[in-house]
Amino acid sequence: MSVWLLSDLYHFPTITAVASHTFFAHAGRVLGLSFTAAGTGSLVTNGLIGGVATA
């Protein structure tokens, strides 16, 4: 396992890069779960905003 430095975070500062680097053995699973959670959260949030806007 390589050493992860905080300075590496500044080169490509996204959660995707951090997750890929930290969990490189299971990067596909970790990224799939995080993107699924983000997509689901976005759908729920947009639904709530639409519900409030039409109320």
N, C-alpha and C. Protein backbone atom coordinates (compact mmCIF):
# COMPACT_ATOMS: atom_id res chain seq x y z
N MET A 1 0.85 -1.19 0.00
CA MET A 1 0.00 0.00 0.00
C MET A 1 0.89 1.24 0.00
N SER A 2 0.55 2.16 -0.87
CA SER A 2 1.36 3.37 -0.95
C SER A 2 0.99 4.34 0.17
N VAL A 3 1.91 5.24 0.42
CA VAL A 3 1.69 6.25 1.45
C VAL A 3 0.86 7.37 0.85
N TRP A 4 -0.22 7.74 1.53
CA TRP A 4 -1.08 8.81 1.05
C TRP A 4 -0.71 10.08 1.77
N LEU A 5 -0.39 11.10 1.03
CA LEU A 5 0.01 12.38 1.60
C LEU A 5 -1.10 13.40 1.40
N LEU A 6 -1.21 14.31 2.34
CA LEU A 6 -2.22 15.36 2.23
C LEU A 6 -1.97 16.23 1.01
N SER A 7 -0.70 16.39 0.62
CA SER A 7 -0.40 17.20 -0.56
C SER A 7 -0.97 16.58 -1.83
N ASP A 8 -1.16 15.25 -1.86
CA ASP A 8 -1.77 14.60 -3.02
C ASP A 8 -3.21 15.05 -3.22
N LEU A 9 -3.88 15.42 -2.14
CA LEU A 9 -5.27 15.84 -2.21
C LEU A 9 -5.42 17.12 -3.02
N TYR A 10 -4.42 17.98 -3.02
CA TYR A 10 -4.52 19.26 -3.71
C TYR A 10 -4.34 19.13 -5.22
N HIS A 11 -3.80 18.01 -5.68
CA HIS A 11 -3.62 17.84 -7.11
C HIS A 11 -4.94 17.50 -7.81
N PHE A 12 -5.81 16.78 -7.15
CA PHE A 12 -7.09 16.39 -7.74
C PHE A 12 -8.10 16.25 -6.61
N PRO A 13 -8.59 17.40 -6.11
CA PRO A 13 -9.35 17.41 -4.86
C PRO A 13 -10.83 17.01 -5.00
N THR A 14 -11.08 15.76 -5.29
CA THR A 14 -12.45 15.30 -5.31
C THR A 14 -12.58 14.07 -4.45
N ILE A 15 -13.77 13.81 -4.00
CA ILE A 15 -14.02 12.62 -3.18
C ILE A 15 -13.77 11.35 -3.99
N THR A 16 -13.96 11.43 -5.29
CA THR A 16 -13.70 10.27 -6.15
C THR A 16 -12.22 9.89 -6.12
N ALA A 17 -11.36 10.87 -6.20
CA ALA A 17 -9.92 10.60 -6.17
C ALA A 17 -9.50 10.05 -4.81
N VAL A 18 -10.02 10.61 -3.75
CA VAL A 18 -9.67 10.15 -2.41
C VAL A 18 -10.17 8.73 -2.19
N ALA A 19 -11.38 8.44 -2.61
CA ALA A 19 -11.93 7.09 -2.45
C ALA A 19 -11.16 6.08 -3.30
N SER A 20 -10.81 6.45 -4.51
CA SER A 20 -10.06 5.55 -5.38
C SER A 20 -8.68 5.26 -4.82
N HIS A 21 -8.06 6.27 -4.24
CA HIS A 21 -6.71 6.10 -3.69
C HIS A 21 -6.74 5.35 -2.37
N THR A 22 -7.69 5.66 -1.52
CA THR A 22 -7.75 5.03 -0.20
C THR A 22 -8.21 3.59 -0.28
N PHE A 23 -9.19 3.30 -1.09
CA PHE A 23 -9.75 1.96 -1.21
C PHE A 23 -9.45 1.38 -2.59
N PHE A 24 -8.18 1.39 -3.00
CA PHE A 24 -7.84 0.99 -4.37
C PHE A 24 -8.18 -0.46 -4.66
N ALA A 25 -8.22 -1.31 -3.66
CA ALA A 25 -8.56 -2.72 -3.89
C ALA A 25 -10.05 -2.90 -4.19
N HIS A 26 -10.88 -2.00 -3.68
CA HIS A 26 -12.33 -2.08 -3.86
C HIS A 26 -12.87 -0.77 -4.44
N ALA A 27 -12.12 -0.16 -5.33
CA ALA A 27 -12.50 1.16 -5.85
C ALA A 27 -13.83 1.13 -6.58
N GLY A 28 -14.09 0.10 -7.36
CA GLY A 28 -15.35 0.02 -8.09
C GLY A 28 -16.55 -0.05 -7.17
N ARG A 29 -16.45 -0.85 -6.12
CA ARG A 29 -17.55 -0.98 -5.17
C ARG A 29 -17.76 0.33 -4.40
N VAL A 30 -16.68 0.94 -3.95
CA VAL A 30 -16.79 2.19 -3.18
C VAL A 30 -17.36 3.30 -4.04
N LEU A 31 -16.88 3.42 -5.27
CA LEU A 31 -17.39 4.47 -6.16
C LEU A 31 -18.83 4.20 -6.55
N GLY A 32 -19.18 2.95 -6.77
CA GLY A 32 -20.57 2.62 -7.09
C GLY A 32 -21.51 2.98 -5.97
N LEU A 33 -21.12 2.66 -4.76
CA LEU A 33 -21.96 3.00 -3.61
C LEU A 33 -22.07 4.51 -3.41
N SER A 34 -20.96 5.22 -3.56
CA SER A 34 -21.02 6.67 -3.36
C SER A 34 -21.83 7.36 -4.45
N PHE A 35 -21.69 6.91 -5.71
CA PHE A 35 -22.49 7.51 -6.78
C PHE A 35 -23.97 7.15 -6.65
N THR A 36 -24.26 5.96 -6.19
CA THR A 36 -25.65 5.57 -5.96
C THR A 36 -26.27 6.43 -4.86
N ALA A 37 -25.52 6.62 -3.79
CA ALA A 37 -26.02 7.46 -2.69
C ALA A 37 -26.23 8.90 -3.16
N ALA A 38 -25.30 9.41 -3.96
CA ALA A 38 -25.43 10.78 -4.47
C ALA A 38 -26.63 10.91 -5.40
N GLY A 39 -26.83 9.93 -6.26
CA GLY A 39 -27.97 9.97 -7.17
C GLY A 39 -29.30 9.87 -6.44
N THR A 40 -29.36 8.98 -5.47
CA THR A 40 -30.59 8.82 -4.68
C THR A 40 -30.88 10.08 -3.88
N GLY A 41 -29.86 10.65 -3.28
CA GLY A 41 -30.03 11.89 -2.53
C GLY A 41 -30.49 13.03 -3.40
N SER A 42 -29.98 13.08 -4.61
CA SER A 42 -30.39 14.13 -5.55
C SER A 42 -31.86 13.97 -5.94
N LEU A 43 -32.27 12.73 -6.21
CA LEU A 43 -33.67 12.49 -6.57
C LEU A 43 -34.62 12.85 -5.42
N VAL A 44 -34.26 12.47 -4.22
CA VAL A 44 -35.11 12.75 -3.06
C VAL A 44 -35.18 14.26 -2.82
N THR A 45 -34.03 14.93 -2.90
CA THR A 45 -34.00 16.38 -2.69
C THR A 45 -34.83 17.10 -3.74
N ASN A 46 -34.68 16.73 -4.99
CA ASN A 46 -35.47 17.37 -6.05
C ASN A 46 -36.96 17.10 -5.88
N GLY A 47 -37.31 15.90 -5.45
CA GLY A 47 -38.71 15.60 -5.18
C GLY A 47 -39.27 16.44 -4.04
N LEU A 48 -38.49 16.62 -2.99
CA LEU A 48 -38.94 17.47 -1.87
C LEU A 48 -39.09 18.93 -2.29
N ILE A 49 -38.15 19.41 -3.08
CA ILE A 49 -38.25 20.79 -3.56
C ILE A 49 -39.49 20.96 -4.45
N GLY A 50 -39.74 20.00 -5.31
CA GLY A 50 -40.94 20.06 -6.15
C GLY A 50 -42.20 19.98 -5.34
N GLY A 51 -42.22 19.14 -4.30
CA GLY A 51 -43.40 19.04 -3.44
C GLY A 51 -43.66 20.32 -2.68
N VAL A 52 -42.63 20.93 -2.18
CA VAL A 52 -42.79 22.20 -1.45
C VAL A 52 -43.21 23.31 -2.39
N ALA A 53 -42.67 23.30 -3.61
CA ALA A 53 -43.00 24.37 -4.57
C ALA A 53 -44.45 24.30 -5.02
N THR A 54 -45.04 23.10 -5.06
CA THR A 54 -46.42 22.99 -5.52
C THR A 54 -47.42 23.07 -4.38
N ALA A 55 -46.94 23.09 -3.15
CA ALA A 55 -47.85 23.15 -2.00
C ALA A 55 -48.39 24.54 -1.74
